[in-house]
Amino acid sequence: SHRDLEDEELTRIFVMIPKTYTEEDLREKFKMYGDIEYCSIIKNKTTG
């Protein structure tokens, strides 16, 4: 696979988290494993 696509496939993980988590909570839990580029939480498009 192309290097750019490979990097994205190999550096982004998907996790199940408590619904009370903020992006900062998520970053705090996973920063011990390495340098984080970004965190994002999937939200309901209607209710947020």
All heavy atoms as atom14 arrays in JSON, in Angstrom:
{
  "sequence": "SHRDLEDEELTRIFVMIPKTYTEEDLREKFKMYGDIEYCSIIKNKTTG",
  "atom14_mask": [
    [1, 1, 1, 1, 1, 1, 0, 0, 0, 0, 0, 0, 0, 0],
    [1, 1, 1, 1, 1, 1, 1, 1, 1, 1, 0, 0, 0, 0],
    [1, 1, 1, 1, 1, 1, 1, 1, 1, 1, 1, 0, 0, 0],
    [1, 1, 1, 1, 1, 1, 1, 1, 0, 0, 0, 0, 0, 0],
    [1, 1, 1, 1, 1, 1, 1, 1, 0, 0, 0, 0, 0, 0],
    [1, 1, 1, 1, 1, 1, 1, 1, 1, 0, 0, 0, 0, 0],
    [1, 1, 1, 1, 1, 1, 1, 1, 0, 0, 0, 0, 0, 0],
    [1, 1, 1, 1, 1, 1, 1, 1, 1, 0, 0, 0, 0, 0],
    [1, 1, 1, 1, 1, 1, 1, 1, 1, 0, 0, 0, 0, 0],
    [1, 1, 1, 1, 1, 1, 1, 1, 0, 0, 0, 0, 0, 0],
    [1, 1, 1, 1, 1, 1, 1, 0, 0, 0, 0, 0, 0, 0],
    [1, 1, 1, 1, 1, 1, 1, 1, 1, 1, 1, 0, 0, 0],
    [1, 1, 1, 1, 1, 1, 1, 1, 0, 0, 0, 0, 0, 0],
    [1, 1, 1, 1, 1, 1, 1, 1, 1, 1, 1, 0, 0, 0],
    [1, 1, 1, 1, 1, 1, 1, 0, 0, 0, 0, 0, 0, 0],
    [1, 1, 1, 1, 1, 1, 1, 1, 0, 0, 0, 0, 0, 0],
    [1, 1, 1, 1, 1, 1, 1, 1, 0, 0, 0, 0, 0, 0],
    [1, 1, 1, 1, 1, 1, 1, 0, 0, 0, 0, 0, 0, 0],
    [1, 1, 1, 1, 1, 1, 1, 1, 1, 0, 0, 0, 0, 0],
    [1, 1, 1, 1, 1, 1, 1, 0, 0, 0, 0, 0, 0, 0],
    [1, 1, 1, 1, 1, 1, 1, 1, 1, 1, 1, 1, 0, 0],
    [1, 1, 1, 1, 1, 1, 1, 0, 0, 0, 0, 0, 0, 0],
    [1, 1, 1, 1, 1, 1, 1, 1, 1, 0, 0, 0, 0, 0],
    [1, 1, 1, 1, 1, 1, 1, 1, 1, 0, 0, 0, 0, 0],
    [1, 1, 1, 1, 1, 1, 1, 1, 0, 0, 0, 0, 0, 0],
    [1, 1, 1, 1, 1, 1, 1, 1, 0, 0, 0, 0, 0, 0],
    [1, 1, 1, 1, 1, 1, 1, 1, 1, 1, 1, 0, 0, 0],
    [1, 1, 1, 1, 1, 1, 1, 1, 1, 0, 0, 0, 0, 0],
    [1, 1, 1, 1, 1, 1, 1, 1, 1, 0, 0, 0, 0, 0],
    [1, 1, 1, 1, 1, 1, 1, 1, 1, 1, 1, 0, 0, 0],
    [1, 1, 1, 1, 1, 1, 1, 1, 1, 0, 0, 0, 0, 0],
    [1, 1, 1, 1, 1, 1, 1, 1, 0, 0, 0, 0, 0, 0],
    [1, 1, 1, 1, 1, 1, 1, 1, 1, 1, 1, 1, 0, 0],
    [1, 1, 1, 1, 0, 0, 0, 0, 0, 0, 0, 0, 0, 0],
    [1, 1, 1, 1, 1, 1, 1, 1, 0, 0, 0, 0, 0, 0],
    [1, 1, 1, 1, 1, 1, 1, 1, 0, 0, 0, 0, 0, 0],
    [1, 1, 1, 1, 1, 1, 1, 1, 1, 0, 0, 0, 0, 0],
    [1, 1, 1, 1, 1, 1, 1, 1, 1, 1, 1, 1, 0, 0],
    [1, 1, 1, 1, 1, 1, 0, 0, 0, 0, 0, 0, 0, 0],
    [1, 1, 1, 1, 1, 1, 0, 0, 0, 0, 0, 0, 0, 0],
    [1, 1, 1, 1, 1, 1, 1, 1, 0, 0, 0, 0, 0, 0],
    [1, 1, 1, 1, 1, 1, 1, 1, 0, 0, 0, 0, 0, 0],
    [1, 1, 1, 1, 1, 1, 1, 1, 1, 0, 0, 0, 0, 0],
    [1, 1, 1, 1, 1, 1, 1, 1, 0, 0, 0, 0, 0, 0],
    [1, 1, 1, 1, 1, 1, 1, 1, 1, 0, 0, 0, 0, 0],
    [1, 1, 1, 1, 1, 1, 1, 0, 0, 0, 0, 0, 0, 0],
    [1, 1, 1, 1, 1, 1, 1, 0, 0, 0, 0, 0, 0, 0],
    [1, 1, 1, 1, 0, 0, 0, 0, 0, 0, 0, 0, 0, 0]
  ],
  "atom14_positions": [
    [[0.83, -1.2, 0.0], [0.0, 0.0, 0.0], [0.87, 1.25, 0.0], [2.03, 1.24, 0.41], [-0.91, 0.0, 1.23], [-0.13, -0.07, 2.39], [0.0, 0.0, 0.0], [0.0, 0.0, 0.0], [0.0, 0.0, 0.0], [0.0, 0.0, 0.0], [0.0, 0.0, 0.0], [0.0, 0.0, 0.0], [0.0, 0.0, 0.0], [0.0, 0.0, 0.0]],
    [[0.29, 2.34, -0.46], [1.01, 3.61, -0.51], [1.39, 4.07, 0.89], [0.65, 3.85, 1.84], [0.11, 4.68, -1.17], [0.83, 5.98, -1.45], [0.94, 6.96, -0.5], [1.47, 6.42, -2.55], [1.62, 7.98, -1.0], [1.96, 7.68, -2.24], [0.0, 0.0, 0.0], [0.0, 0.0, 0.0], [0.0, 0.0, 0.0], [0.0, 0.0, 0.0]],
    [[2.54, 4.7, 1.02], [3.07, 5.04, 2.34], [2.11, 5.91, 3.15], [1.9, 5.66, 4.33], [4.4, 5.78, 2.17], [5.05, 6.18, 3.49], [5.48, 4.98, 4.28], [5.93, 5.36, 5.61], [6.23, 4.51, 6.56], [6.13, 3.22, 6.36], [6.63, 4.92, 7.75], [0.0, 0.0, 0.0], [0.0, 0.0, 0.0], [0.0, 0.0, 0.0]],
    [[1.5, 6.92, 2.54], [0.61, 7.8, 3.29], [-0.59, 7.03, 3.82], [-1.0, 7.19, 4.96], [0.12, 8.96, 2.4], [1.25, 9.93, 2.07], [2.28, 9.9, 2.8], [1.12, 10.68, 1.11], [0.0, 0.0, 0.0], [0.0, 0.0, 0.0], [0.0, 0.0, 0.0], [0.0, 0.0, 0.0], [0.0, 0.0, 0.0], [0.0, 0.0, 0.0]],
    [[-1.16, 6.19, 2.96], [-2.32, 5.4, 3.38], [-1.91, 4.41, 4.45], [-2.61, 4.2, 5.44], [-2.92, 4.65, 2.18], [-4.12, 3.75, 2.48], [-5.26, 4.56, 3.09], [-4.58, 3.03, 1.22], [0.0, 0.0, 0.0], [0.0, 0.0, 0.0], [0.0, 0.0, 0.0], [0.0, 0.0, 0.0], [0.0, 0.0, 0.0], [0.0, 0.0, 0.0]],
    [[-0.72, 3.84, 4.29], [-0.22, 2.88, 5.27], [-0.09, 3.52, 6.65], [-0.49, 2.97, 7.66], [1.13, 2.34, 4.82], [1.74, 1.33, 5.78], [3.15, 0.96, 5.38], [3.31, 0.04, 4.58], [4.07, 1.63, 5.87], [0.0, 0.0, 0.0], [0.0, 0.0, 0.0], [0.0, 0.0, 0.0], [0.0, 0.0, 0.0], [0.0, 0.0, 0.0]],
    [[0.46, 4.73, 6.67], [0.63, 5.43, 7.94], [-0.71, 5.66, 8.62], [-0.84, 5.49, 9.82], [1.35, 6.77, 7.71], [2.85, 6.57, 7.56], [3.33, 5.48, 7.86], [3.52, 7.52, 7.13], [0.0, 0.0, 0.0], [0.0, 0.0, 0.0], [0.0, 0.0, 0.0], [0.0, 0.0, 0.0], [0.0, 0.0, 0.0], [0.0, 0.0, 0.0]],
    [[-1.72, 6.05, 7.82], [-3.02, 6.29, 8.42], [-3.62, 4.99, 8.95], [-4.15, 4.95, 10.06], [-3.98, 6.89, 7.39], [-5.33, 7.26, 8.01], [-6.47, 7.25, 7.03], [-6.23, 7.43, 5.83], [-7.6, 7.03, 7.48], [0.0, 0.0, 0.0], [0.0, 0.0, 0.0], [0.0, 0.0, 0.0], [0.0, 0.0, 0.0], [0.0, 0.0, 0.0]],
    [[-3.47, 3.91, 8.2], [-4.04, 2.64, 8.62], [-3.36, 2.1, 9.88], [-3.98, 1.38, 10.66], [-3.89, 1.61, 7.49], [-4.8, 1.86, 6.3], [-4.6, 0.82, 5.22], [-3.57, 0.12, 5.26], [-5.47, 0.7, 4.35], [0.0, 0.0, 0.0], [0.0, 0.0, 0.0], [0.0, 0.0, 0.0], [0.0, 0.0, 0.0], [0.0, 0.0, 0.0]],
    [[-2.11, 2.45, 10.07], [-1.34, 1.86, 11.16], [-1.19, 2.75, 12.38], [-0.62, 2.33, 13.38], [0.04, 1.45, 10.65], [0.05, 0.39, 9.56], [1.46, 0.16, 9.06], [-0.55, -0.91, 10.07], [0.0, 0.0, 0.0], [0.0, 0.0, 0.0], [0.0, 0.0, 0.0], [0.0, 0.0, 0.0], [0.0, 0.0, 0.0], [0.0, 0.0, 0.0]],
    [[-1.65, 3.99, 12.3], [-1.47, 4.9, 13.43], [-2.79, 5.3, 14.08], [-2.78, 5.93, 15.14], [-0.74, 6.18, 12.99], [-1.48, 6.8, 11.92], [0.67, 5.88, 12.53], [0.0, 0.0, 0.0], [0.0, 0.0, 0.0], [0.0, 0.0, 0.0], [0.0, 0.0, 0.0], [0.0, 0.0, 0.0], [0.0, 0.0, 0.0], [0.0, 0.0, 0.0]],
    [[-3.92, 4.95, 13.48], [-5.22, 5.36, 14.02], [-5.92, 4.15, 14.61], [-6.1, 3.14, 13.95], [-6.07, 5.97, 12.9], [-7.11, 6.97, 13.4], [-7.61, 7.83, 12.25], [-8.26, 7.06, 11.22], [-9.57, 7.08, 10.97], [-10.36, 7.86, 11.68], [-10.08, 6.36, 10.0], [0.0, 0.0, 0.0], [0.0, 0.0, 0.0], [0.0, 0.0, 0.0]],
    [[-6.31, 4.25, 15.9], [-7.02, 3.15, 16.55], [-8.44, 3.58, 16.9], [-8.75, 4.76, 17.02], [-6.28, 2.65, 17.8], [-6.3, 3.7, 18.92], [-4.86, 2.25, 17.46], [-5.74, 3.18, 20.26], [0.0, 0.0, 0.0], [0.0, 0.0, 0.0], [0.0, 0.0, 0.0], [0.0, 0.0, 0.0], [0.0, 0.0, 0.0], [0.0, 0.0, 0.0]],
    [[-9.29, 2.57, 17.03], [-10.72, 2.76, 17.29], [-11.01, 2.1, 18.63], [-10.63, 0.95, 18.86], [-11.52, 2.1, 16.17], [-12.99, 2.41, 16.17], [-13.45, 3.66, 15.84], [-13.92, 1.42, 16.47], [-14.81, 3.94, 15.8], [-15.28, 1.69, 16.44], [-15.71, 2.96, 16.1], [0.0, 0.0, 0.0], [0.0, 0.0, 0.0], [0.0, 0.0, 0.0]],
    [[-11.67, 2.81, 19.55], [-11.88, 2.29, 20.9], [-13.31, 2.49, 21.38], [-14.01, 3.41, 20.93], [-10.92, 2.97, 21.9], [-9.48, 2.61, 21.59], [-11.08, 4.48, 21.91], [0.0, 0.0, 0.0], [0.0, 0.0, 0.0], [0.0, 0.0, 0.0], [0.0, 0.0, 0.0], [0.0, 0.0, 0.0], [0.0, 0.0, 0.0], [0.0, 0.0, 0.0]],
    [[-13.72, 1.62, 22.31], [-15.02, 1.74, 22.97], [-14.77, 2.43, 24.31], [-13.93, 1.99, 25.09], [-15.63, 0.36, 23.18], [-17.02, 0.39, 23.8], [-17.69, -1.3, 24.06], [-17.9, -1.84, 22.37], [0.0, 0.0, 0.0], [0.0, 0.0, 0.0], [0.0, 0.0, 0.0], [0.0, 0.0, 0.0], [0.0, 0.0, 0.0], [0.0, 0.0, 0.0]],
    [[-15.5, 3.5, 24.58], [-15.25, 4.32, 25.77], [-16.57, 4.63, 26.48], [-17.64, 4.55, 25.88], [-14.56, 5.65, 25.39], [-15.39, 6.4, 24.35], [-13.13, 5.4, 24.89], [-14.84, 7.77, 23.97], [0.0, 0.0, 0.0], [0.0, 0.0, 0.0], [0.0, 0.0, 0.0], [0.0, 0.0, 0.0], [0.0, 0.0, 0.0], [0.0, 0.0, 0.0]],
    [[-16.51, 5.01, 27.76], [-17.72, 5.48, 28.44], [-18.27, 6.72, 27.74], [-17.5, 7.56, 27.25], [-17.21, 5.81, 29.85], [-15.99, 4.99, 30.02], [-15.34, 4.94, 28.67], [0.0, 0.0, 0.0], [0.0, 0.0, 0.0], [0.0, 0.0, 0.0], [0.0, 0.0, 0.0], [0.0, 0.0, 0.0], [0.0, 0.0, 0.0], [0.0, 0.0, 0.0]],
    [[-19.56, 6.87, 27.71], [-20.18, 8.01, 27.02], [-19.9, 9.34, 27.71], [-20.14, 10.4, 27.15], [-21.68, 7.78, 26.87], [-22.02, 6.66, 25.91], [-23.52, 6.54, 25.69], [-23.82, 5.44, 24.66], [-25.28, 5.32, 24.39], [0.0, 0.0, 0.0], [0.0, 0.0, 0.0], [0.0, 0.0, 0.0], [0.0, 0.0, 0.0], [0.0, 0.0, 0.0]],
    [[-19.39, 9.27, 28.93], [-19.07, 10.5, 29.67], [-17.7, 11.06, 29.28], [-17.37, 12.18, 29.66], [-19.08, 10.23, 31.18], [-18.18, 9.15, 31.47], [-20.48, 9.85, 31.65], [0.0, 0.0, 0.0], [0.0, 0.0, 0.0], [0.0, 0.0, 0.0], [0.0, 0.0, 0.0], [0.0, 0.0, 0.0], [0.0, 0.0, 0.0], [0.0, 0.0, 0.0]],
    [[-16.92, 10.31, 28.53], [-15.56, 10.74, 28.18], [-15.58, 11.98, 27.27], [-16.4, 12.07, 26.34], [-14.82, 9.63, 27.43], [-13.99, 8.74, 28.3], [-14.32, 8.51, 29.63], [-12.86, 8.08, 27.8], [-13.56, 7.66, 30.42], [-12.1, 7.23, 28.58], [-12.45, 7.03, 29.89], [-11.69, 6.2, 30.66], [0.0, 0.0, 0.0], [0.0, 0.0, 0.0]],
    [[-14.67, 12.91, 27.54], [-14.39, 14.01, 26.63], [-13.15, 13.65, 25.83], [-12.47, 12.67, 26.13], [-14.14, 15.32, 27.4], [-12.95, 15.15, 28.2], [-15.33, 15.65, 28.31], [0.0, 0.0, 0.0], [0.0, 0.0, 0.0], [0.0, 0.0, 0.0], [0.0, 0.0, 0.0], [0.0, 0.0, 0.0], [0.0, 0.0, 0.0], [0.0, 0.0, 0.0]],
    [[-12.84, 14.46, 24.81], [-11.62, 14.21, 24.04], [-10.39, 14.31, 24.93], [-9.41, 13.58, 24.73], [-11.54, 15.18, 22.86], [-12.58, 14.89, 21.79], [-12.48, 15.82, 20.6], [-11.56, 16.67, 20.58], [-13.31, 15.68, 19.67], [0.0, 0.0, 0.0], [0.0, 0.0, 0.0], [0.0, 0.0, 0.0], [0.0, 0.0, 0.0], [0.0, 0.0, 0.0]],
    [[-10.45, 15.19, 25.92], [-9.32, 15.33, 26.84], [-9.17, 14.08, 27.71], [-8.05, 13.63, 27.98], [-9.51, 16.57, 27.72], [-8.28, 16.92, 28.56], [-7.02, 17.13, 27.73], [-7.12, 17.71, 26.62], [-5.95, 16.68, 28.17], [0.0, 0.0, 0.0], [0.0, 0.0, 0.0], [0.0, 0.0, 0.0], [0.0, 0.0, 0.0], [0.0, 0.0, 0.0]],
    [[-10.3, 13.51, 28.13], [-10.25, 12.26, 28.9], [-9.62, 11.15, 28.07], [-8.79, 10.37, 28.56], [-11.66, 11.82, 29.32], [-12.29, 12.77, 30.32], [-11.54, 13.37, 31.11], [-13.53, 12.92, 30.3], [0.0, 0.0, 0.0], [0.0, 0.0, 0.0], [0.0, 0.0, 0.0], [0.0, 0.0, 0.0], [0.0, 0.0, 0.0], [0.0, 0.0, 0.0]],
    [[-10.02, 11.09, 26.8], [-9.51, 10.06, 25.9], [-8.0, 10.23, 25.7], [-7.24, 9.26, 25.76], [-10.23, 10.16, 24.55], [-9.93, 9.08, 23.51], [-10.17, 7.69, 24.07], [-10.77, 9.32, 22.26], [0.0, 0.0, 0.0], [0.0, 0.0, 0.0], [0.0, 0.0, 0.0], [0.0, 0.0, 0.0], [0.0, 0.0, 0.0], [0.0, 0.0, 0.0]],
    [[-7.57, 11.46, 25.5], [-6.14, 11.73, 25.34], [-5.37, 11.34, 26.6], [-4.29, 10.75, 26.52], [-5.92, 13.21, 25.01], [-4.45, 13.61, 24.83], [-4.33, 15.1, 24.55], [-4.92, 15.44, 23.27], [-4.25, 15.4, 22.12], [-2.98, 15.02, 22.1], [-4.84, 15.73, 20.99], [0.0, 0.0, 0.0], [0.0, 0.0, 0.0], [0.0, 0.0, 0.0]],
    [[-5.94, 11.66, 27.75], [-5.26, 11.37, 29.02], [-5.07, 9.87, 29.21], [-4.03, 9.43, 29.72], [-6.08, 11.95, 30.17], [-5.42, 11.89, 31.53], [-4.18, 12.77, 31.64], [-4.09, 13.76, 30.88], [-3.3, 12.44, 32.46], [0.0, 0.0, 0.0], [0.0, 0.0, 0.0], [0.0, 0.0, 0.0], [0.0, 0.0, 0.0], [0.0, 0.0, 0.0]],
    [[-6.07, 9.07, 28.8], [-6.0, 7.62, 28.98], [-4.98, 6.97, 28.05], [-4.4, 5.93, 28.39], [-7.38, 7.0, 28.74], [-8.4, 7.29, 29.82], [-8.07, 6.56, 31.11], [-9.15, 6.78, 32.15], [-8.83, 6.09, 33.41], [0.0, 0.0, 0.0], [0.0, 0.0, 0.0], [0.0, 0.0, 0.0], [0.0, 0.0, 0.0], [0.0, 0.0, 0.0]],
    [[-4.75, 7.56, 26.87], [-3.94, 6.88, 25.86], [-2.59, 7.55, 25.58], [-1.82, 7.04, 24.78], [-4.74, 6.75, 24.55], [-5.75, 5.64, 24.6], [-7.02, 5.86, 25.12], [-5.44, 4.36, 24.16], [-7.95, 4.83, 25.19], [-6.36, 3.33, 24.22], [-7.62, 3.56, 24.74], [0.0, 0.0, 0.0], [0.0, 0.0, 0.0], [0.0, 0.0, 0.0]],
    [[-2.3, 8.67, 26.24], [-1.04, 9.35, 25.97], [0.17, 8.57, 26.47], [1.3, 8.82, 26.02], [-1.06, 10.76, 26.56], [-1.03, 10.81, 28.09], [-1.06, 12.25, 28.58], [-0.96, 12.32, 30.11], [-1.01, 13.73, 30.59], [0.0, 0.0, 0.0], [0.0, 0.0, 0.0], [0.0, 0.0, 0.0], [0.0, 0.0, 0.0], [0.0, 0.0, 0.0]],
    [[-0.04, 7.65, 27.39], [1.1, 6.89, 27.95], [1.73, 5.96, 26.91], [2.85, 5.47, 27.11], [0.63, 6.08, 29.16], [-0.3, 4.92, 28.83], [-0.8, 3.99, 30.3], [-1.91, 5.16, 31.07], [0.0, 0.0, 0.0], [0.0, 0.0, 0.0], [0.0, 0.0, 0.0], [0.0, 0.0, 0.0], [0.0, 0.0, 0.0], [0.0, 0.0, 0.0]],
    [[1.01, 5.69, 25.81], [1.53, 4.75, 24.83], [2.31, 5.43, 23.7], [2.92, 4.75, 22.88], [0.38, 3.92, 24.24], [-0.46, 3.28, 25.31], [-1.78, 3.67, 25.53], [0.08, 2.3, 26.15], [-2.54, 3.09, 26.54], [-0.68, 1.72, 27.15], [-1.98, 2.12, 27.34], [-2.73, 1.55, 28.35], [0.0, 0.0, 0.0], [0.0, 0.0, 0.0]],
    [[2.26, 6.76, 23.64], [3.01, 7.45, 22.6], [2.47, 8.84, 22.34], [1.57, 9.32, 23.01], [0.0, 0.0, 0.0], [0.0, 0.0, 0.0], [0.0, 0.0, 0.0], [0.0, 0.0, 0.0], [0.0, 0.0, 0.0], [0.0, 0.0, 0.0], [0.0, 0.0, 0.0], [0.0, 0.0, 0.0], [0.0, 0.0, 0.0], [0.0, 0.0, 0.0]],
    [[3.07, 9.5, 21.34], [2.69, 10.86, 20.98], [1.4, 10.85, 20.16], [1.35, 10.25, 19.08], [3.82, 11.52, 20.18], [5.11, 11.59, 20.98], [5.03, 11.94, 22.17], [6.19, 11.29, 20.41], [0.0, 0.0, 0.0], [0.0, 0.0, 0.0], [0.0, 0.0, 0.0], [0.0, 0.0, 0.0], [0.0, 0.0, 0.0], [0.0, 0.0, 0.0]],
    [[0.39, 11.54, 20.67], [-0.92, 11.55, 20.02], [-1.04, 12.75, 19.09], [-0.78, 13.89, 19.49], [-2.04, 11.57, 21.08], [-2.03, 10.26, 21.88], [-3.4, 11.79, 20.42], [-3.02, 10.23, 23.01], [0.0, 0.0, 0.0], [0.0, 0.0, 0.0], [0.0, 0.0, 0.0], [0.0, 0.0, 0.0], [0.0, 0.0, 0.0], [0.0, 0.0, 0.0]],
    [[-1.44, 12.48, 17.85], [-1.67, 13.56, 16.89], [-3.03, 14.2, 17.14], [-3.17, 15.41, 17.17], [-1.58, 13.02, 15.46], [-1.72, 14.1, 14.4], [-1.51, 13.56, 13.01], [-0.77, 12.58, 12.84], [-2.1, 14.14, 12.06], [0.0, 0.0, 0.0], [0.0, 0.0, 0.0], [0.0, 0.0, 0.0], [0.0, 0.0, 0.0], [0.0, 0.0, 0.0]],
    [[-4.05, 13.38, 17.32], [-5.38, 13.91, 17.66], [-6.25, 12.81, 18.24], [-5.98, 11.62, 18.05], [-6.08, 14.54, 16.43], [-6.49, 13.56, 15.37], [-7.65, 12.79, 15.48], [-5.73, 13.41, 14.21], [-8.03, 11.9, 14.5], [-6.09, 12.52, 13.22], [-7.24, 11.77, 13.36], [-7.61, 10.87, 12.39], [0.0, 0.0, 0.0], [0.0, 0.0, 0.0]],
    [[-7.29, 13.22, 18.96], [-8.33, 12.32, 19.47], [-9.67, 12.86, 18.99], [-9.86, 14.08, 18.9], [-8.34, 12.26, 21.0], [-6.86, 11.58, 21.73], [0.0, 0.0, 0.0], [0.0, 0.0, 0.0], [0.0, 0.0, 0.0], [0.0, 0.0, 0.0], [0.0, 0.0, 0.0], [0.0, 0.0, 0.0], [0.0, 0.0, 0.0], [0.0, 0.0, 0.0]],
    [[-10.6, 11.98, 18.73], [-11.95, 12.43, 18.38], [-12.97, 11.43, 18.91], [-12.69, 10.23, 19.0], [-12.11, 12.57, 16.86], [-11.92, 11.33, 16.21], [0.0, 0.0, 0.0], [0.0, 0.0, 0.0], [0.0, 0.0, 0.0], [0.0, 0.0, 0.0], [0.0, 0.0, 0.0], [0.0, 0.0, 0.0], [0.0, 0.0, 0.0], [0.0, 0.0, 0.0]],
    [[-14.13, 11.94, 19.28], [-15.21, 11.12, 19.81], [-16.37, 11.12, 18.81], [-16.75, 12.18, 18.29], [-15.67, 11.65, 21.18], [-14.55, 11.43, 22.22], [-16.96, 10.96, 21.64], [-14.85, 12.0, 23.58], [0.0, 0.0, 0.0], [0.0, 0.0, 0.0], [0.0, 0.0, 0.0], [0.0, 0.0, 0.0], [0.0, 0.0, 0.0], [0.0, 0.0, 0.0]],
    [[-16.92, 9.96, 18.53], [-18.04, 9.85, 17.6], [-19.32, 10.23, 18.32], [-19.61, 9.71, 19.39], [-18.14, 8.42, 17.04], [-16.86, 8.07, 16.3], [-19.34, 8.28, 16.12], [-16.78, 6.62, 15.88], [0.0, 0.0, 0.0], [0.0, 0.0, 0.0], [0.0, 0.0, 0.0], [0.0, 0.0, 0.0], [0.0, 0.0, 0.0], [0.0, 0.0, 0.0]],
    [[-20.06, 11.17, 17.73], [-21.27, 11.67, 18.38], [-22.49, 11.47, 17.49], [-22.39, 11.4, 16.27], [-21.1, 13.16, 18.71], [-19.97, 13.44, 19.7], [-19.86, 14.91, 20.03], [-18.74, 15.15, 21.05], [-18.61, 16.59, 21.37], [0.0, 0.0, 0.0], [0.0, 0.0, 0.0], [0.0, 0.0, 0.0], [0.0, 0.0, 0.0], [0.0, 0.0, 0.0]],
    [[-23.62, 11.39, 18.14], [-24.89, 11.31, 17.43], [-25.13, 12.62, 16.69], [-25.09, 13.7, 17.29], [-26.03, 11.04, 18.42], [-27.36, 10.82, 17.75], [-27.87, 11.69, 17.05], [-27.94, 9.66, 17.98], [0.0, 0.0, 0.0], [0.0, 0.0, 0.0], [0.0, 0.0, 0.0], [0.0, 0.0, 0.0], [0.0, 0.0, 0.0], [0.0, 0.0, 0.0]],
    [[-25.37, 12.52, 15.39], [-25.49, 13.74, 14.59], [-26.72, 14.56, 14.97], [-26.75, 15.78, 14.77], [-25.57, 13.36, 13.11], [-24.28, 12.75, 12.58], [-24.42, 12.34, 11.12], [-23.13, 11.7, 10.61], [-23.25, 11.25, 9.21], [0.0, 0.0, 0.0], [0.0, 0.0, 0.0], [0.0, 0.0, 0.0], [0.0, 0.0, 0.0], [0.0, 0.0, 0.0]],
    [[-27.73, 13.92, 15.54], [-28.96, 14.63, 15.89], [-28.88, 15.26, 17.28], [-29.18, 16.44, 17.46], [-30.16, 13.67, 15.84], [-30.23, 13.06, 14.55], [-31.46, 14.43, 16.13], [0.0, 0.0, 0.0], [0.0, 0.0, 0.0], [0.0, 0.0, 0.0], [0.0, 0.0, 0.0], [0.0, 0.0, 0.0], [0.0, 0.0, 0.0], [0.0, 0.0, 0.0]],
    [[-28.43, 14.47, 18.25], [-28.44, 14.94, 19.65], [-27.1, 15.52, 20.09], [-27.05, 16.24, 21.09], [-28.8, 13.79, 20.6], [-27.78, 12.78, 20.54], [-30.14, 13.16, 20.19], [0.0, 0.0, 0.0], [0.0, 0.0, 0.0], [0.0, 0.0, 0.0], [0.0, 0.0, 0.0], [0.0, 0.0, 0.0], [0.0, 0.0, 0.0], [0.0, 0.0, 0.0]],
    [[-26.03, 15.18, 19.38], [-24.71, 15.64, 19.8], [-24.12, 14.83, 20.94], [-23.03, 15.14, 21.42], [0.0, 0.0, 0.0], [0.0, 0.0, 0.0], [0.0, 0.0, 0.0], [0.0, 0.0, 0.0], [0.0, 0.0, 0.0], [0.0, 0.0, 0.0], [0.0, 0.0, 0.0], [0.0, 0.0, 0.0], [0.0, 0.0, 0.0], [0.0, 0.0, 0.0]]
  ]
}
